[in-house]
Amino acid sequence: MENKLIRCYKLNKWNIITVCIYLLLSIFLWMYCLENKIDQKEILFYYGFGTQFFIYSFQYRELRNFNYFLIWIVIAIIQFCIYLAIKDSPELALVNGNAALGLRSTIITLLLFQFLRFLSLQIQHKELVAPARSSKTDLLDERKITIFDVICFIIFVAVTIFLFVTR
């Protein structure tokens, strides 16, 4: 396994399919929210929260490709712009902020992931992986999970939750 932080290579079919499915799901949910005023807060909240964990749990291997990472940065910028447009909407108000808080966090969690990946390469000379729930190996690389991988995942989760509960 190459221990280099920035690696650029051509996107594979799975990368393109994943981004397309994510974008189609996003468009569908956006249209659904516009049509149905019911459940807007819940859908938007879980969409933002789900995006953060989808990125870390299922895209950690693909995000090693800088080209793919840039695509997600563009998606995160678009989400941030949407957040800025709807953040003051009273229909999306929650007790502790706005249901759209997750949209502002994607770019931060992407950068946090790369920082944690950098630390993993520097400290353990291995790529960062996501701990599997009931296994001692990760899902995609099938390498043994280290305590450092678990700590990084806990840091990621803690920061993500913090971003969701702070204005």
C-alpha atoms as a PDB file:
ATOM      1  CA  MET A   1       0.000   0.000   0.000  1.00  0.00           C
ATOM      2  CA  GLU A   2       1.410   3.379  -1.006  1.00  0.00           C
ATOM      3  CA  ASN A   3       1.826   5.760   1.936  1.00  0.00           C
ATOM      4  CA  LYS A   4       1.390   9.005   0.069  1.00  0.00           C
ATOM      5  CA  LEU A   5      -1.164  11.609   1.127  1.00  0.00           C
ATOM      6  CA  ILE A   6      -1.957  13.087  -2.275  1.00  0.00           C
ATOM      7  CA  ARG A   7      -2.582  10.518  -4.971  1.00  0.00           C
ATOM      8  CA  CYS A   8      -4.290  11.415  -8.223  1.00  0.00           C
ATOM      9  CA  TYR A   9      -5.629   8.782 -10.524  1.00  0.00           C
ATOM     10  CA  LYS A  10      -8.527   8.321 -12.861  1.00  0.00           C
ATOM     11  CA  LEU A  11     -11.961   7.787 -11.341  1.00  0.00           C
ATOM     12  CA  ASN A  12     -13.257   4.260 -11.639  1.00  0.00           C
ATOM     13  CA  LYS A  13     -16.814   3.279 -12.525  1.00  0.00           C
ATOM     14  CA  TRP A  14     -17.737   2.752  -8.887  1.00  0.00           C
ATOM     15  CA  ASN A  15     -16.661   6.321  -8.035  1.00  0.00           C
ATOM     16  CA  ILE A  16     -18.824   7.733 -10.799  1.00  0.00           C
ATOM     17  CA  ILE A  17     -21.793   5.519  -9.919  1.00  0.00           C
ATOM     18  CA  THR A  18     -21.532   6.426  -6.228  1.00  0.00           C
ATOM     19  CA  VAL A  19     -21.462  10.165  -6.878  1.00  0.00           C
ATOM     20  CA  CYS A  20     -24.309   9.914  -9.399  1.00  0.00           C
ATOM     21  CA  ILE A  21     -26.487   7.922  -6.989  1.00  0.00           C
ATOM     22  CA  TYR A  22     -25.710  10.381  -4.198  1.00  0.00           C
ATOM     23  CA  LEU A  23     -26.585  13.349  -6.412  1.00  0.00           C
ATOM     24  CA  LEU A  24     -29.798  11.704  -7.647  1.00  0.00           C
ATOM     25  CA  LEU A  25     -30.798  10.918  -4.070  1.00  0.00           C
ATOM     26  CA  SER A  26     -30.030  14.515  -3.106  1.00  0.00           C
ATOM     27  CA  ILE A  27     -32.153  15.899  -5.936  1.00  0.00           C
ATOM     28  CA  PHE A  28     -34.992  13.512  -5.101  1.00  0.00           C
ATOM     29  CA  LEU A  29     -34.950  14.502  -1.430  1.00  0.00           C
ATOM     30  CA  TRP A  30     -34.771  18.194  -2.311  1.00  0.00           C
ATOM     31  CA  MET A  31     -37.786  17.879  -4.629  1.00  0.00           C
ATOM     32  CA  TYR A  32     -39.654  15.845  -2.026  1.00  0.00           C
ATOM     33  CA  CYS A  33     -38.990  18.516   0.594  1.00  0.00           C
ATOM     34  CA  LEU A  34     -40.199  21.264  -1.730  1.00  0.00           C
ATOM     35  CA  GLU A  35     -43.398  19.387  -2.528  1.00  0.00           C
ATOM     36  CA  ASN A  36     -44.190  18.111   0.941  1.00  0.00           C
ATOM     37  CA  LYS A  37     -43.853  20.530   3.791  1.00  0.00           C
ATOM     38  CA  ILE A  38     -44.131  17.541   6.142  1.00  0.00           C
ATOM     39  CA  ASP A  39     -40.935  15.989   7.505  1.00  0.00           C
ATOM     40  CA  GLN A  40     -38.633  18.631   5.983  1.00  0.00           C
ATOM     41  CA  LYS A  41     -36.684  19.066   9.197  1.00  0.00           C
ATOM     42  CA  GLU A  42     -36.196  15.354   9.751  1.00  0.00           C
ATOM     43  CA  ILE A  43     -35.214  14.622   6.167  1.00  0.00           C
ATOM     44  CA  LEU A  44     -32.739  17.477   6.046  1.00  0.00           C
ATOM     45  CA  PHE A  45     -31.256  16.602   9.431  1.00  0.00           C
ATOM     46  CA  TYR A  46     -30.756  12.916   8.599  1.00  0.00           C
ATOM     47  CA  TYR A  47     -29.528  13.733   5.101  1.00  0.00           C
ATOM     48  CA  GLY A  48     -26.765  15.945   6.507  1.00  0.00           C
ATOM     49  CA  PHE A  49     -25.903  13.524   9.302  1.00  0.00           C
ATOM     50  CA  GLY A  50     -25.991  10.536   6.962  1.00  0.00           C
ATOM     51  CA  THR A  51     -23.700  12.239   4.475  1.00  0.00           C
ATOM     52  CA  GLN A  52     -20.981  12.697   7.100  1.00  0.00           C
ATOM     53  CA  PHE A  53     -20.993   9.039   8.108  1.00  0.00           C
ATOM     54  CA  PHE A  54     -21.378   7.761   4.551  1.00  0.00           C
ATOM     55  CA  ILE A  55     -18.222   9.638   3.630  1.00  0.00           C
ATOM     56  CA  TYR A  56     -16.143   8.188   6.471  1.00  0.00           C
ATOM     57  CA  SER A  57     -17.612   4.700   6.660  1.00  0.00           C
ATOM     58  CA  PHE A  58     -17.974   3.827   2.994  1.00  0.00           C
ATOM     59  CA  GLN A  59     -15.847   6.284   1.036  1.00  0.00           C
ATOM     60  CA  TYR A  60     -12.643   6.362   3.081  1.00  0.00           C
ATOM     61  CA  ARG A  61     -10.771   4.260   0.556  1.00  0.00           C
ATOM     62  CA  GLU A  62     -11.979   6.236  -2.453  1.00  0.00           C
ATOM     63  CA  LEU A  63     -11.182   9.572  -0.766  1.00  0.00           C
ATOM     64  CA  ARG A  64      -7.497   8.663  -0.967  1.00  0.00           C
ATOM     65  CA  ASN A  65      -7.811   9.639  -4.623  1.00  0.00           C
ATOM     66  CA  PHE A  66      -7.394  13.419  -4.705  1.00  0.00           C
ATOM     67  CA  ASN A  67      -9.578  13.708  -7.830  1.00  0.00           C
ATOM     68  CA  TYR A  68     -12.459  11.994  -6.043  1.00  0.00           C
ATOM     69  CA  PHE A  69     -11.851  14.091  -2.944  1.00  0.00           C
ATOM     70  CA  LEU A  70     -12.181  17.244  -5.076  1.00  0.00           C
ATOM     71  CA  ILE A  71     -15.559  16.070  -6.369  1.00  0.00           C
ATOM     72  CA  TRP A  72     -16.754  15.730  -2.770  1.00  0.00           C
ATOM     73  CA  ILE A  73     -15.343  19.167  -1.952  1.00  0.00           C
ATOM     74  CA  VAL A  74     -17.459  20.623  -4.787  1.00  0.00           C
ATOM     75  CA  ILE A  75     -20.524  18.811  -3.410  1.00  0.00           C
ATOM     76  CA  ALA A  76     -19.691  20.174   0.055  1.00  0.00           C
ATOM     77  CA  ILE A  77     -19.407  23.731  -1.302  1.00  0.00           C
ATOM     78  CA  ILE A  78     -22.790  23.389  -2.984  1.00  0.00           C
ATOM     79  CA  GLN A  79     -24.262  22.098   0.273  1.00  0.00           C
ATOM     80  CA  PHE A  80     -22.735  25.017   2.151  1.00  0.00           C
ATOM     81  CA  CYS A  81     -24.300  27.479  -0.315  1.00  0.00           C
ATOM     82  CA  ILE A  82     -27.670  25.790   0.165  1.00  0.00           C
ATOM     83  CA  TYR A  83     -27.169  26.028   3.921  1.00  0.00           C
ATOM     84  CA  LEU A  84     -26.505  29.756   3.658  1.00  0.00           C
ATOM     85  CA  ALA A  85     -29.692  30.170   1.623  1.00  0.00           C
ATOM     86  CA  ILE A  86     -31.973  28.274   4.034  1.00  0.00           C
ATOM     87  CA  LYS A  87     -30.328  28.670   7.455  1.00  0.00           C
ATOM     88  CA  ASP A  88     -32.736  31.370   8.621  1.00  0.00           C
ATOM     89  CA  SER A  89     -35.867  29.549   7.480  1.00  0.00           C
ATOM     90  CA  PRO A  90     -38.314  29.290  10.396  1.00  0.00           C
ATOM     91  CA  GLU A  91     -39.732  26.039   8.973  1.00  0.00           C
ATOM     92  CA  LEU A  92     -36.361  24.356   9.559  1.00  0.00           C
ATOM     93  CA  ALA A  93     -35.815  25.617  13.081  1.00  0.00           C
ATOM     94  CA  LEU A  94     -34.974  23.059  15.720  1.00  0.00           C
ATOM     95  CA  VAL A  95     -34.614  23.550  19.445  1.00  0.00           C
ATOM     96  CA  ASN A  96     -30.845  23.908  19.153  1.00  0.00           C
ATOM     97  CA  GLY A  97     -30.308  25.426  15.698  1.00  0.00           C
ATOM     98  CA  ASN A  98     -31.446  24.548  12.234  1.00  0.00           C
ATOM     99  CA  ALA A  99     -32.058  21.210  10.517  1.00  0.00           C
ATOM    100  CA  ALA A 100     -29.660  22.294   7.769  1.00  0.00           C
ATOM    101  CA  LEU A 101     -26.603  22.363  10.054  1.00  0.00           C
ATOM    102  CA  GLY A 102     -25.322  19.166   8.442  1.00  0.00           C
ATOM    103  CA  LEU A 103     -25.026  20.933   5.111  1.00  0.00           C
ATOM    104  CA  ARG A 104     -22.452  23.334   6.486  1.00  0.00           C
ATOM    105  CA  SER A 105     -20.424  20.516   8.042  1.00  0.00           C
ATOM    106  CA  THR A 106     -19.602  18.371   5.022  1.00  0.00           C
ATOM    107  CA  ILE A 107     -16.615  20.435   3.981  1.00  0.00           C
ATOM    108  CA  ILE A 108     -15.270  20.435   7.537  1.00  0.00           C
ATOM    109  CA  THR A 109     -15.630  16.672   7.920  1.00  0.00           C
ATOM    110  CA  LEU A 110     -13.946  16.077   4.567  1.00  0.00           C
ATOM    111  CA  LEU A 111     -10.989  18.175   5.669  1.00  0.00           C
ATOM    112  CA  LEU A 112     -10.993  16.488   9.076  1.00  0.00           C
ATOM    113  CA  PHE A 113     -10.913  13.093   7.398  1.00  0.00           C
ATOM    114  CA  GLN A 114      -7.862  14.101   5.346  1.00  0.00           C
ATOM    115  CA  PHE A 115      -6.167  15.468   8.457  1.00  0.00           C
ATOM    116  CA  LEU A 116      -6.804  12.211  10.345  1.00  0.00           C
ATOM    117  CA  ARG A 117      -5.548  10.311   7.323  1.00  0.00           C
ATOM    118  CA  PHE A 118      -2.401  12.439   7.323  1.00  0.00           C
ATOM    119  CA  LEU A 119      -1.874  11.682  11.028  1.00  0.00           C
ATOM    120  CA  SER A 120      -2.352   7.983  10.381  1.00  0.00           C
ATOM    121  CA  LEU A 121       0.262   8.030   7.636  1.00  0.00           C
ATOM    122  CA  GLN A 122       2.682   9.944   9.842  1.00  0.00           C
ATOM    123  CA  ILE A 123       2.154   8.005  13.075  1.00  0.00           C
ATOM    124  CA  GLN A 124       1.426   4.446  12.038  1.00  0.00           C
ATOM    125  CA  HIS A 125       2.676   4.554   8.421  1.00  0.00           C
ATOM    126  CA  LYS A 126      -0.639   3.054   7.330  1.00  0.00           C
ATOM    127  CA  GLU A 127      -3.704   4.417   5.628  1.00  0.00           C
ATOM    128  CA  LEU A 128      -6.597   5.340   7.867  1.00  0.00           C
ATOM    129  CA  VAL A 129      -9.417   2.814   7.777  1.00  0.00           C
ATOM    130  CA  ALA A 130     -12.889   2.709   9.255  1.00  0.00           C
ATOM    131  CA  PRO A 131     -13.432   0.276  12.095  1.00  0.00           C
ATOM    132  CA  ALA A 132     -15.988  -2.389  11.324  1.00  0.00           C
ATOM    133  CA  ARG A 133     -18.664  -2.880  13.918  1.00  0.00           C
ATOM    134  CA  SER A 134     -18.014  -6.471  14.927  1.00  0.00           C
ATOM    135  CA  SER A 135     -14.744  -7.297  13.255  1.00  0.00           C
ATOM    136  CA  LYS A 136     -11.075  -6.805  13.950  1.00  0.00           C
ATOM    137  CA  THR A 137     -10.472  -5.913  10.284  1.00  0.00           C
ATOM    138  CA  ASP A 138     -11.891  -3.045   8.278  1.00  0.00           C
ATOM    139  CA  LEU A 139     -14.513  -3.540   5.584  1.00  0.00           C
ATOM    140  CA  LEU A 140     -12.557  -2.625   2.458  1.00  0.00           C
ATOM    141  CA  ASP A 141      -8.811  -2.999   2.996  1.00  0.00           C
ATOM    142  CA  GLU A 142      -9.169  -6.046   5.227  1.00  0.00           C
ATOM    143  CA  ARG A 143      -6.309  -4.943   7.418  1.00  0.00           C
ATOM    144  CA  LYS A 144      -6.273  -5.196  11.173  1.00  0.00           C
ATOM    145  CA  ILE A 145      -7.842  -2.261  12.953  1.00  0.00           C
ATOM    146  CA  THR A 146      -5.480  -0.448  15.285  1.00  0.00           C
ATOM    147  CA  ILE A 147      -6.317   1.561  18.376  1.00  0.00           C
ATOM    148  CA  PHE A 148      -5.292   4.644  16.397  1.00  0.00           C
ATOM    149  CA  ASP A 149      -7.975   3.880  13.774  1.00  0.00           C
ATOM    150  CA  VAL A 150     -10.570   3.629  16.530  1.00  0.00           C
ATOM    151  CA  ILE A 151      -9.405   6.876  18.144  1.00  0.00           C
ATOM    152  CA  CYS A 152      -9.587   8.668  14.789  1.00  0.00           C
ATOM    153  CA  PHE A 153     -13.108   7.364  14.240  1.00  0.00           C
ATOM    154  CA  ILE A 154     -14.160   8.542  17.710  1.00  0.00           C
ATOM    155  CA  ILE A 155     -12.649  11.973  17.008  1.00  0.00           C
ATOM    156  CA  PHE A 156     -14.518  12.119  13.688  1.00  0.00           C
ATOM    157  CA  VAL A 157     -17.824  11.163  15.329  1.00  0.00           C
ATOM    158  CA  ALA A 158     -17.317  13.613  18.202  1.00  0.00           C
ATOM    159  CA  VAL A 159     -16.510  16.518  15.864  1.00  0.00           C
ATOM    160  CA  THR A 160     -19.449  15.649  13.617  1.00  0.00           C
ATOM    161  CA  ILE A 161     -21.867  15.586  16.539  1.00  0.00           C
ATOM    162  CA  PHE A 162     -20.368  18.813  17.887  1.00  0.00           C
ATOM    163  CA  LEU A 163     -20.945  20.495  14.517  1.00  0.00           C
ATOM    164  CA  PHE A 164     -24.554  19.326  14.539  1.00  0.00           C
ATOM    165  CA  VAL A 165     -25.355  20.752  17.936  1.00  0.00           C
ATOM    166  CA  THR A 166     -23.553  24.097  17.702  1.00  0.00           C
ATOM    167  CA  ARG A 167     -24.872  27.077  15.884  1.00  0.00           C
END
